[in-house]
Amino acid sequence: MSSNDTPIAPNSTGPSSIDLNSDASIAEWARKLDVTEAQLREAVEAVGDRATDVELHLKGARSTTNEEQVRGAGT
C-alpha cells in the first residue's frame, strides 16, 4: 500500500456515523443534531447510522416525495 492509498474501513464506524453502542457518541450526536438521545436512537433505527441520513430523517426531508413538493410549489 502506498502512502497515497487510503484504506476503506470494513464497517461504518467513522466520524460520519453514529455508534449506538457508545454513550459518548450518542451524547455528542444528540447535541450536534439538537435532539434527545431517544429521538436519535429512533432515527438511527429507522434509517441507519449514517449521520447525514439521520439528520435528514430528523428534519423531515424525507416526509414528502419530489412529486409532492413540485405539486405544492405550483399552488
C-alpha atoms as a PDB file:
ATOM      1  CA  MET A   1       0.000   0.000   0.000  1.00  0.00           C
ATOM      2  CA  SER A   2       1.483   3.347  -0.980  1.00  0.00           C
ATOM      3  CA  SER A   3       1.288   6.441   1.175  1.00  0.00           C
ATOM      4  CA  ASN A   4      -1.454   7.810  -1.120  1.00  0.00           C
ATOM      5  CA  ASP A   5      -3.747   4.822  -0.608  1.00  0.00           C
ATOM      6  CA  THR A   6      -6.494   5.275   1.926  1.00  0.00           C
ATOM      7  CA  PRO A   7      -7.811   2.073   3.444  1.00  0.00           C
ATOM      8  CA  ILE A   8     -11.570   1.684   3.466  1.00  0.00           C
ATOM      9  CA  ALA A   9     -12.961   0.589   6.796  1.00  0.00           C
ATOM     10  CA  PRO A  10     -14.928  -2.663   6.658  1.00  0.00           C
ATOM     11  CA  ASN A  11     -17.678  -1.178   8.788  1.00  0.00           C
ATOM     12  CA  SER A  12     -19.288   2.217   9.030  1.00  0.00           C
ATOM     13  CA  THR A  13     -17.686   3.392  12.248  1.00  0.00           C
ATOM     14  CA  GLY A  14     -16.248   6.759  11.391  1.00  0.00           C
ATOM     15  CA  PRO A  15     -16.765  10.411  12.114  1.00  0.00           C
ATOM     16  CA  SER A  16     -19.853  10.468   9.913  1.00  0.00           C
ATOM     17  CA  SER A  17     -21.570   7.506  11.549  1.00  0.00           C
ATOM     18  CA  ILE A  18     -23.439   7.266  14.826  1.00  0.00           C
ATOM     19  CA  ASP A  19     -22.437   4.430  17.144  1.00  0.00           C
ATOM     20  CA  LEU A  20     -25.382   3.464  19.352  1.00  0.00           C
ATOM     21  CA  ASN A  21     -23.040   1.297  21.419  1.00  0.00           C
ATOM     22  CA  SER A  22     -21.099   4.333  22.596  1.00  0.00           C
ATOM     23  CA  ASP A  23     -22.631   6.645  25.190  1.00  0.00           C
ATOM     24  CA  ALA A  24     -20.153   9.349  24.173  1.00  0.00           C
ATOM     25  CA  SER A  25     -21.158   9.080  20.502  1.00  0.00           C
ATOM     26  CA  ILE A  26     -24.850   9.209  21.361  1.00  0.00           C
ATOM     27  CA  ALA A  27     -24.394  12.252  23.588  1.00  0.00           C
ATOM     28  CA  GLU A  28     -22.252  14.060  21.005  1.00  0.00           C
ATOM     29  CA  TRP A  29     -24.610  13.437  18.078  1.00  0.00           C
ATOM     30  CA  ALA A  30     -27.702  14.286  20.145  1.00  0.00           C
ATOM     31  CA  ARG A  31     -26.058  17.609  20.990  1.00  0.00           C
ATOM     32  CA  LYS A  32     -24.947  18.256  17.382  1.00  0.00           C
ATOM     33  CA  LEU A  33     -28.391  17.469  15.991  1.00  0.00           C
ATOM     34  CA  ASP A  34     -30.241  19.188  18.852  1.00  0.00           C
ATOM     35  CA  VAL A  35     -32.387  16.158  19.691  1.00  0.00           C
ATOM     36  CA  THR A  36     -32.886  13.889  22.664  1.00  0.00           C
ATOM     37  CA  GLU A  37     -30.971  10.640  22.891  1.00  0.00           C
ATOM     38  CA  ALA A  38     -34.262   8.766  22.448  1.00  0.00           C
ATOM     39  CA  GLN A  39     -35.011  10.692  19.226  1.00  0.00           C
ATOM     40  CA  LEU A  40     -31.507   9.953  17.980  1.00  0.00           C
ATOM     41  CA  ARG A  41     -31.850   6.230  18.696  1.00  0.00           C
ATOM     42  CA  GLU A  42     -35.217   6.110  16.888  1.00  0.00           C
ATOM     43  CA  ALA A  43     -33.772   7.870  13.862  1.00  0.00           C
ATOM     44  CA  VAL A  44     -30.780   5.518  13.669  1.00  0.00           C
ATOM     45  CA  GLU A  45     -33.089   2.528  13.948  1.00  0.00           C
ATOM     46  CA  ALA A  46     -35.242   3.966  11.137  1.00  0.00           C
ATOM     47  CA  VAL A  47     -32.575   4.989   8.607  1.00  0.00           C
ATOM     48  CA  GLY A  48     -29.243   3.531   9.709  1.00  0.00           C
ATOM     49  CA  ASP A  49     -26.159   5.038  11.308  1.00  0.00           C
ATOM     50  CA  ARG A  50     -25.031   7.496   8.606  1.00  0.00           C
ATOM     51  CA  ALA A  51     -25.171  10.926  10.211  1.00  0.00           C
ATOM     52  CA  THR A  52     -26.430  12.640   7.045  1.00  0.00           C
ATOM     53  CA  ASP A  53     -29.320  10.183   6.720  1.00  0.00           C
ATOM     54  CA  VAL A  54     -30.200  10.593  10.385  1.00  0.00           C
ATOM     55  CA  GLU A  55     -30.131  14.377  10.102  1.00  0.00           C
ATOM     56  CA  LEU A  56     -32.419  14.333   7.054  1.00  0.00           C
ATOM     57  CA  HIS A  57     -34.795  11.955   8.818  1.00  0.00           C
ATOM     58  CA  LEU A  58     -34.928  14.162  11.901  1.00  0.00           C
ATOM     59  CA  LYS A  59     -35.556  17.277   9.807  1.00  0.00           C
ATOM     60  CA  GLY A  60     -38.341  15.545   7.908  1.00  0.00           C
ATOM     61  CA  ALA A  61     -36.712  15.944   4.496  1.00  0.00           C
ATOM     62  CA  ARG A  62     -37.969  12.505   3.541  1.00  0.00           C
ATOM     63  CA  SER A  63     -41.543  13.127   4.593  1.00  0.00           C
ATOM     64  CA  THR A  64     -42.638  14.067   1.070  1.00  0.00           C
ATOM     65  CA  THR A  65     -41.703  12.892  -2.377  1.00  0.00           C
ATOM     66  CA  ASN A  66     -40.272  15.189  -5.023  1.00  0.00           C
ATOM     67  CA  GLU A  67     -43.558  14.933  -6.939  1.00  0.00           C
ATOM     68  CA  GLU A  68     -45.487  16.160  -3.889  1.00  0.00           C
ATOM     69  CA  GLN A  69     -43.064  19.063  -3.445  1.00  0.00           C
ATOM     70  CA  VAL A  70     -43.421  20.081  -7.110  1.00  0.00           C
ATOM     71  CA  ARG A  71     -47.212  19.913  -6.890  1.00  0.00           C
ATOM     72  CA  GLY A  72     -47.172  22.002  -3.717  1.00  0.00           C
ATOM     73  CA  ALA A  73     -44.943  24.633  -5.333  1.00  0.00           C
ATOM     74  CA  GLY A  74     -47.387  25.054  -8.200  1.00  0.00           C
ATOM     75  CA  THR A  75     -50.300  26.054  -5.979  1.00  0.00           C
END
